[in-house]
Protein backbone atom coordinates (compact mmCIF):
# COMPACT_ATOMS: atom_id res chain seq x y z
CA MET A 1 -15.04 23.59 2.33
CA ASN A 2 -15.69 20.03 2.75
CA LEU A 3 -12.69 18.03 1.75
CA GLU A 4 -13.03 14.45 0.56
CA HIS A 5 -11.58 11.85 2.93
CA ILE A 6 -9.51 8.89 1.96
CA ILE A 7 -9.01 5.89 4.28
CA VAL A 8 -5.91 4.12 3.36
CA CYS A 9 -6.00 0.45 4.13
CA ALA A 10 -2.40 -1.21 4.99
CA ARG A 11 -2.53 -4.67 4.71
CA THR A 12 0.39 -6.99 6.18
CA TYR A 13 1.18 -10.72 6.96
CA LYS A 14 3.71 -11.33 9.46
CA ARG A 15 5.85 -8.36 8.62
CA PRO A 16 6.25 -6.00 11.58
CA ASN A 17 9.47 -4.10 10.28
CA SER A 18 7.90 -3.62 6.85
CA ILE A 19 4.37 -2.53 8.31
CA GLY A 20 6.33 0.10 10.58
CA ILE A 21 8.05 1.63 7.71
CA LEU A 22 4.88 1.98 5.49
CA LEU A 23 3.15 3.40 8.33
CA ASP A 24 5.74 6.09 8.82
CA THR A 25 5.56 6.47 4.83
CA LEU A 26 1.99 6.82 4.96
CA ASP A 27 1.76 9.28 7.70
CA LYS A 28 4.02 11.82 5.49
CA GLN A 29 1.83 11.66 2.62
CA ALA A 30 1.25 15.31 0.91
CA THR A 31 -2.12 16.50 0.63
CA ALA A 32 -1.93 20.05 -0.74
CA GLY A 33 -4.95 20.94 1.33
CA LEU A 34 -7.02 18.97 -1.26
CA PHE A 35 -8.14 15.98 1.03
CA THR A 36 -7.78 14.30 4.28
CA TYR A 37 -6.80 10.80 5.19
CA SER A 38 -6.74 8.47 8.00
CA ILE A 39 -4.97 4.84 8.06
CA PHE A 40 -6.76 1.52 8.62
CA VAL A 41 -4.46 -1.47 9.07
CA VAL A 42 -5.79 -4.75 8.22
CA SER A 43 -3.16 -6.80 10.35
CA ASP A 44 -1.97 -10.10 9.17
CA ASN A 45 -4.34 -12.61 8.78
CA ASP A 46 -2.51 -13.87 11.60
CA GLU A 47 -4.48 -14.78 14.68
CA LYS A 48 -1.37 -14.28 16.74
CA GLY A 49 -1.24 -10.58 15.70
CA SER A 50 2.55 -10.52 15.00
CA VAL A 51 2.31 -6.95 14.07
CA TRP A 52 0.30 -5.65 16.97
CA GLU A 53 2.95 -4.02 18.92
CA VAL A 54 3.97 -1.81 15.69
CA VAL A 55 0.68 -1.09 15.10
CA ALA A 56 -0.34 -0.14 18.77
CA GLU A 57 2.50 2.05 18.91
CA PHE A 58 2.00 4.11 15.81
CA PRO A 59 -1.12 6.18 16.81
CA ARG A 60 1.36 7.85 19.54
CA ARG A 61 3.59 9.25 16.77
CA THR A 62 0.99 10.45 14.51
CA LYS A 63 -1.82 12.84 14.27
CA ARG A 64 -3.65 10.73 11.70
CA ASP A 65 -6.70 8.72 12.82
CA VAL A 66 -5.47 5.19 12.89
CA SER A 67 -7.64 1.92 13.47
CA ASN A 68 -6.99 -1.61 12.93
CA GLU A 69 -8.47 -4.96 12.69
CA ILE A 70 -7.40 -8.73 12.27
CA GLU A 71 -8.81 -10.64 9.48
CA PRO A 72 -8.75 -14.36 10.93
CA GLU A 73 -8.46 -16.19 7.66
CA GLN A 74 -5.31 -15.96 5.61
CA ASN A 75 -6.56 -14.55 2.34
CA ILE A 76 -5.82 -11.23 0.93
CA SER A 77 -9.15 -10.78 -0.65
CA LEU A 78 -10.92 -11.10 2.64
CA ALA A 79 -8.47 -8.94 4.21
CA ARG A 80 -9.19 -6.25 1.35
CA ASN A 81 -12.89 -6.90 1.80
CA ARG A 82 -12.75 -6.28 5.50
CA ALA A 83 -11.30 -2.75 4.78
CA VAL A 84 -13.82 -1.84 2.42
CA LYS A 85 -16.61 -3.07 4.98
CA SER A 86 -14.81 -0.98 7.70
CA SER A 87 -14.56 2.22 5.53
CA VAL A 88 -17.37 4.75 5.17
CA ARG A 89 -15.21 7.47 3.43
CA ASP A 90 -15.17 8.95 -0.03
CA TYR A 91 -12.24 6.72 -1.30
CA ILE A 92 -10.17 3.86 -0.36
CA ALA A 93 -6.46 3.36 -1.15
CA PHE A 94 -4.91 0.05 -0.67
CA PHE A 95 -1.11 -0.50 0.05
CA ASP A 96 0.57 -3.71 0.98
CA ASN A 97 3.30 -3.95 3.58
CA ASP A 98 6.00 -4.26 0.81
CA GLN A 99 5.00 -0.94 -0.87
CA PHE A 100 6.50 2.27 0.31
CA PRO A 101 4.72 4.99 -1.64
CA GLN A 102 6.54 8.33 -2.50
CA ARG A 103 5.30 11.38 -0.45
CA ASP A 104 2.85 12.54 -3.11
CA ARG A 105 1.13 9.19 -3.88
CA LEU A 106 -2.28 9.92 -2.65
CA LEU A 107 -1.90 13.44 -3.96
CA THR A 108 -1.28 12.21 -7.51
CA LEU A 109 -4.10 9.79 -7.31
CA GLU A 110 -6.62 12.63 -5.96
CA LYS A 111 -5.51 15.09 -8.91
CA ALA A 112 -6.08 12.25 -11.51
CA GLN A 113 -9.35 11.45 -10.10
CA MET A 114 -10.37 15.03 -10.03
CA ALA A 115 -8.82 15.93 -13.39
CA PHE A 116 -10.63 12.99 -15.25
CA LEU A 117 -13.89 13.02 -13.05
CA ALA A 118 -13.24 9.50 -12.61
CA ASP A 119 -14.80 7.17 -9.81
CA GLY A 120 -11.25 6.20 -8.90
CA ALA A 121 -7.57 5.96 -9.98
CA LEU A 122 -4.73 3.56 -9.58
CA GLY A 123 -1.11 3.12 -10.56
CA LEU A 124 2.04 1.12 -10.24
CA ILE A 125 4.01 1.19 -7.25
CA LYS A 126 7.41 -0.72 -6.95
CA PRO A 127 7.50 -3.30 -4.35
CA TYR A 128 10.33 -3.45 -1.76
CA PHE A 129 11.78 -6.99 -1.15
CA GLU A 130 13.73 -7.59 2.10
CA GLU A 131 15.64 -10.58 0.26
CA VAL A 132 17.58 -10.69 -2.99
CA LEU A 133 15.52 -11.98 -5.64
CA PRO A 134 16.59 -14.61 -8.30
CA ILE A 135 15.47 -12.19 -10.98
CA ASP A 136 16.55 -8.63 -11.76
CA LEU A 137 13.03 -6.75 -12.02
CA SER A 138 14.68 -3.64 -12.95
CA ARG A 139 14.65 -5.22 -16.52
CA VAL A 140 11.24 -6.35 -16.14
CA ASP A 141 9.12 -5.01 -19.36
CA SER A 142 7.48 -2.07 -18.92
CA GLY A 143 6.57 -1.33 -22.49
CA LYS A 144 9.55 0.68 -23.06
CA ASP A 145 11.80 -1.97 -24.31
CA GLN A 146 10.04 -4.86 -26.36
CA ASN A 147 13.05 -6.94 -26.49
CA THR A 148 13.40 -7.45 -22.78
CA PRO A 149 11.36 -10.47 -21.80
CA PRO A 150 9.22 -10.34 -18.82
CA CYS A 151 10.84 -11.30 -15.37
CA SER A 152 14.43 -11.41 -16.78
CA SER A 153 17.34 -11.95 -14.66
CA SER A 154 20.62 -9.74 -15.12
CA ASP A 155 22.15 -12.27 -17.44
CA GLY A 156 19.02 -12.49 -19.53
CA ARG A 157 17.66 -15.70 -18.49
CA THR A 158 13.81 -15.46 -18.13
CA ALA A 159 12.40 -17.05 -14.80
CA GLY A 160 12.31 -20.74 -14.89
CA GLN A 161 15.19 -21.20 -17.13
């Protein structure tokens, strides 16, 4: 049986701590034997390579294939395009260094793609923020509560008020 292969693109910008957490999270993704995956890091858009130490150490702790490159220009689209150009796999999954997917994230996407015979699948991942934000994102309108304005704070003010 020839399994589909997903290349997981992890993008980062000068955040060695969070890219380390993301890589550890990605390393533990469940596959249920439906697919294989490898990890590709587009580091930083930072010519100084502030995350290289973390990224270089990661392959020693994983059985996954891991590769990385620097996109010299600071531009998230160029970083994403570099990952696409470097990927010769069945599918590509993108994660930013402030997203820590649940253990079944890739499996859920793969099952959705298979069930609907889709060319791809996507879904929401709640970002992680190191600093306290000036708004309460747990109250952002998700379609469930039409009375809650988008980006409202815990005291009911909307962003910018």
